[in-house]
């Protein structure tokens, strides 16, 4: 019997742009850690929308994770 990839319905589809809470979950981290990294100028690339809203692009999170390996 040939291998057939099984889709796991419990895995979420991650949005292209993520708030810090969702990005932290994606990275298996915490929003406080992401805030600390932003303050220190390290961590994944983020975009600031207005004065308070922060968003992370999924591709940037993936790129950052790859660079950490």
Foldseek 3Di string as FASTA:
>chain_A
DDDDDDDDPVDDDDDQKAFLQSLCVVVVHHSVVVVVCVVVVHDFDWDADPDDTIIDGPVRNVVRVVVVD
